[in-house]
Amino acid sequence: MDGLYLADSTLKFIRQRTEELRVQMTEGAVPDFPAYQKLRSKYEAYVSVEEHIRSLLKRSMTRYRDWE
């Protein structure tokens, strides 16, 4: 259960951070294109990490069900 709590907390943080970055890119004042590219790469990194965590959770839950 500690692993699920950690994963849930991490996913909440990632979702919050990606939303902040999305708002900053779409509604904020980005000074220039290189700054936009930097925000976009951060956003993509968070999304990639979120997908990886979800994949690991799905795999671990499948293995857990197989053991029962």
N, C-alpha and C. Protein backbone atom coordinates (compact mmCIF):
# COMPACT_ATOMS: atom_id res chain seq x y z
N MET A 1 0.81 -1.21 0.00
CA MET A 1 0.00 0.00 0.00
C MET A 1 0.85 1.27 0.00
N ASP A 2 2.02 1.22 0.61
CA ASP A 2 2.88 2.40 0.61
C ASP A 2 3.27 2.78 -0.81
N GLY A 3 3.48 1.79 -1.66
CA GLY A 3 3.81 2.05 -3.05
C GLY A 3 2.68 2.73 -3.78
N LEU A 4 1.44 2.33 -3.49
CA LEU A 4 0.28 2.96 -4.12
C LEU A 4 0.13 4.41 -3.67
N TYR A 5 0.37 4.65 -2.39
CA TYR A 5 0.29 6.02 -1.87
C TYR A 5 1.34 6.89 -2.55
N LEU A 6 2.56 6.37 -2.64
CA LEU A 6 3.64 7.11 -3.29
C LEU A 6 3.31 7.40 -4.75
N ALA A 7 2.83 6.39 -5.45
CA ALA A 7 2.47 6.57 -6.86
C ALA A 7 1.35 7.59 -7.01
N ASP A 8 0.33 7.50 -6.16
CA ASP A 8 -0.79 8.43 -6.23
C ASP A 8 -0.34 9.86 -5.96
N SER A 9 0.48 10.05 -4.95
CA SER A 9 0.99 11.39 -4.63
C SER A 9 1.84 11.93 -5.77
N THR A 10 2.67 11.08 -6.34
CA THR A 10 3.52 11.50 -7.44
C THR A 10 2.69 11.87 -8.66
N LEU A 11 1.68 11.07 -8.97
CA LEU A 11 0.81 11.37 -10.11
C LEU A 11 0.05 12.68 -9.91
N LYS A 12 -0.39 12.94 -8.69
CA LYS A 12 -1.08 14.21 -8.40
C LYS A 12 -0.15 15.39 -8.63
N PHE A 13 1.10 15.26 -8.16
CA PHE A 13 2.08 16.32 -8.36
C PHE A 13 2.34 16.54 -9.84
N ILE A 14 2.51 15.46 -10.58
CA ILE A 14 2.80 15.56 -12.02
C ILE A 14 1.63 16.20 -12.75
N ARG A 15 0.40 15.79 -12.42
CA ARG A 15 -0.77 16.39 -13.07
C ARG A 15 -0.86 17.89 -12.78
N GLN A 16 -0.59 18.26 -11.53
CA GLN A 16 -0.62 19.67 -11.16
C GLN A 16 0.44 20.45 -11.93
N ARG A 17 1.62 19.92 -11.99
CA ARG A 17 2.72 20.60 -12.67
C ARG A 17 2.48 20.70 -14.18
N THR A 18 1.96 19.63 -14.80
CA THR A 18 1.69 19.69 -16.24
C THR A 18 0.59 20.71 -16.54
N GLU A 19 -0.39 20.80 -15.65
CA GLU A 19 -1.45 21.79 -15.85
C GLU A 19 -0.88 23.21 -15.74
N GLU A 20 0.00 23.44 -14.77
CA GLU A 20 0.63 24.75 -14.64
C GLU A 20 1.43 25.10 -15.89
N LEU A 21 2.18 24.14 -16.40
CA LEU A 21 2.97 24.38 -17.61
C LEU A 21 2.07 24.62 -18.82
N ARG A 22 0.98 23.85 -18.92
CA ARG A 22 0.05 24.02 -20.04
C ARG A 22 -0.56 25.42 -20.03
N VAL A 23 -0.97 25.86 -18.85
CA VAL A 23 -1.55 27.20 -18.73
C VAL A 23 -0.52 28.26 -19.07
N GLN A 24 0.69 28.09 -18.58
CA GLN A 24 1.75 29.05 -18.87
C GLN A 24 2.05 29.12 -20.36
N MET A 25 2.02 27.97 -21.05
CA MET A 25 2.29 27.97 -22.48
C MET A 25 1.16 28.57 -23.29
N THR A 26 -0.09 28.31 -22.87
CA THR A 26 -1.23 28.74 -23.68
C THR A 26 -1.78 30.11 -23.28
N GLU A 27 -1.72 30.45 -21.99
CA GLU A 27 -2.33 31.69 -21.54
C GLU A 27 -1.34 32.69 -20.96
N GLY A 28 -0.15 32.23 -20.66
CA GLY A 28 0.86 33.10 -20.06
C GLY A 28 1.65 33.86 -21.10
N ALA A 29 2.45 34.75 -20.61
CA ALA A 29 3.31 35.53 -21.49
C ALA A 29 4.66 34.85 -21.58
N VAL A 30 4.89 34.14 -22.68
CA VAL A 30 6.18 33.49 -22.91
C VAL A 30 7.01 34.48 -23.71
N PRO A 31 8.20 34.85 -23.20
CA PRO A 31 8.95 35.94 -23.83
C PRO A 31 9.42 35.68 -25.26
N ASP A 32 9.79 34.44 -25.56
CA ASP A 32 10.28 34.16 -26.91
C ASP A 32 10.14 32.67 -27.21
N PHE A 33 10.45 32.31 -28.44
CA PHE A 33 10.28 30.93 -28.88
C PHE A 33 11.18 29.95 -28.13
N PRO A 34 12.45 30.27 -27.86
CA PRO A 34 13.27 29.34 -27.08
C PRO A 34 12.70 29.07 -25.68
N ALA A 35 12.11 30.09 -25.07
CA ALA A 35 11.48 29.89 -23.76
C ALA A 35 10.27 28.97 -23.89
N TYR A 36 9.50 29.13 -24.96
CA TYR A 36 8.37 28.25 -25.22
C TYR A 36 8.84 26.81 -25.42
N GLN A 37 9.92 26.64 -26.18
CA GLN A 37 10.46 25.30 -26.41
C GLN A 37 10.90 24.64 -25.10
N LYS A 38 11.49 25.42 -24.23
CA LYS A 38 11.93 24.89 -22.93
C LYS A 38 10.71 24.45 -22.10
N LEU A 39 9.66 25.26 -22.08
CA LEU A 39 8.44 24.88 -21.36
C LEU A 39 7.83 23.62 -21.97
N ARG A 40 7.82 23.57 -23.28
CA ARG A 40 7.25 22.41 -23.98
C ARG A 40 8.03 21.14 -23.67
N SER A 41 9.34 21.23 -23.61
CA SER A 41 10.13 20.03 -23.29
C SER A 41 9.92 19.59 -21.85
N LYS A 42 9.76 20.53 -20.93
CA LYS A 42 9.45 20.17 -19.54
C LYS A 42 8.09 19.48 -19.48
N TYR A 43 7.12 20.03 -20.19
CA TYR A 43 5.78 19.46 -20.23
C TYR A 43 5.83 18.02 -20.75
N GLU A 44 6.53 17.82 -21.85
CA GLU A 44 6.63 16.48 -22.44
C GLU A 44 7.34 15.51 -21.51
N ALA A 45 8.32 15.99 -20.75
CA ALA A 45 9.02 15.13 -19.80
C ALA A 45 8.08 14.67 -18.69
N TYR A 46 7.28 15.59 -18.15
CA TYR A 46 6.32 15.22 -17.11
C TYR A 46 5.29 14.23 -17.64
N VAL A 47 4.81 14.45 -18.85
CA VAL A 47 3.82 13.54 -19.44
C VAL A 47 4.43 12.15 -19.63
N SER A 48 5.67 12.11 -20.07
CA SER A 48 6.35 10.83 -20.26
C SER A 48 6.51 10.08 -18.93
N VAL A 49 6.89 10.79 -17.89
CA VAL A 49 7.04 10.17 -16.56
C VAL A 49 5.69 9.67 -16.06
N GLU A 50 4.64 10.46 -16.26
CA GLU A 50 3.30 10.05 -15.83
C GLU A 50 2.88 8.76 -16.55
N GLU A 51 3.11 8.69 -17.85
CA GLU A 51 2.76 7.49 -18.60
C GLU A 51 3.54 6.28 -18.10
N HIS A 52 4.81 6.49 -17.78
CA HIS A 52 5.63 5.39 -17.28
C HIS A 52 5.13 4.90 -15.92
N ILE A 53 4.80 5.80 -15.03
CA ILE A 53 4.28 5.41 -13.71
C ILE A 53 2.97 4.66 -13.86
N ARG A 54 2.09 5.15 -14.71
CA ARG A 54 0.81 4.46 -14.94
C ARG A 54 1.03 3.05 -15.50
N SER A 55 1.98 2.93 -16.40
CA SER A 55 2.30 1.62 -16.96
C SER A 55 2.81 0.66 -15.88
N LEU A 56 3.70 1.16 -15.03
CA LEU A 56 4.21 0.33 -13.93
C LEU A 56 3.11 -0.08 -12.97
N LEU A 57 2.22 0.85 -12.66
CA LEU A 57 1.10 0.52 -11.77
C LEU A 57 0.19 -0.53 -12.39
N LYS A 58 -0.10 -0.37 -13.66
CA LYS A 58 -0.97 -1.33 -14.34
C LYS A 58 -0.33 -2.72 -14.34
N ARG A 59 0.97 -2.77 -14.62
CA ARG A 59 1.69 -4.04 -14.61
C ARG A 59 1.71 -4.67 -13.22
N SER A 60 1.96 -3.86 -12.19
CA SER A 60 2.03 -4.40 -10.83
C SER A 60 0.66 -4.87 -10.36
N MET A 61 -0.41 -4.18 -10.75
CA MET A 61 -1.75 -4.61 -10.35
C MET A 61 -2.13 -5.90 -11.06
N THR A 62 -1.70 -6.06 -12.31
CA THR A 62 -1.97 -7.30 -13.04
C THR A 62 -1.25 -8.46 -12.37
N ARG A 63 -0.01 -8.26 -11.98
CA ARG A 63 0.75 -9.32 -11.30
C ARG A 63 0.13 -9.65 -9.96
N TYR A 64 -0.34 -8.64 -9.24
CA TYR A 64 -0.98 -8.85 -7.94
C TYR A 64 -2.23 -9.71 -8.09
N ARG A 65 -3.04 -9.42 -9.11
CA ARG A 65 -4.26 -10.21 -9.35
C ARG A 65 -3.92 -11.65 -9.73
N ASP A 66 -2.82 -11.82 -10.45
CA ASP A 66 -2.40 -13.18 -10.85
C ASP A 66 -1.98 -14.01 -9.66
N TRP A 67 -1.47 -13.38 -8.61
CA TRP A 67 -1.03 -14.11 -7.42
C TRP A 67 -2.19 -14.58 -6.57
N GLU A 68 -3.32 -13.89 -6.67
CA GLU A 68 -4.47 -14.26 -5.82
C GLU A 68 -5.14 -15.52 -6.30
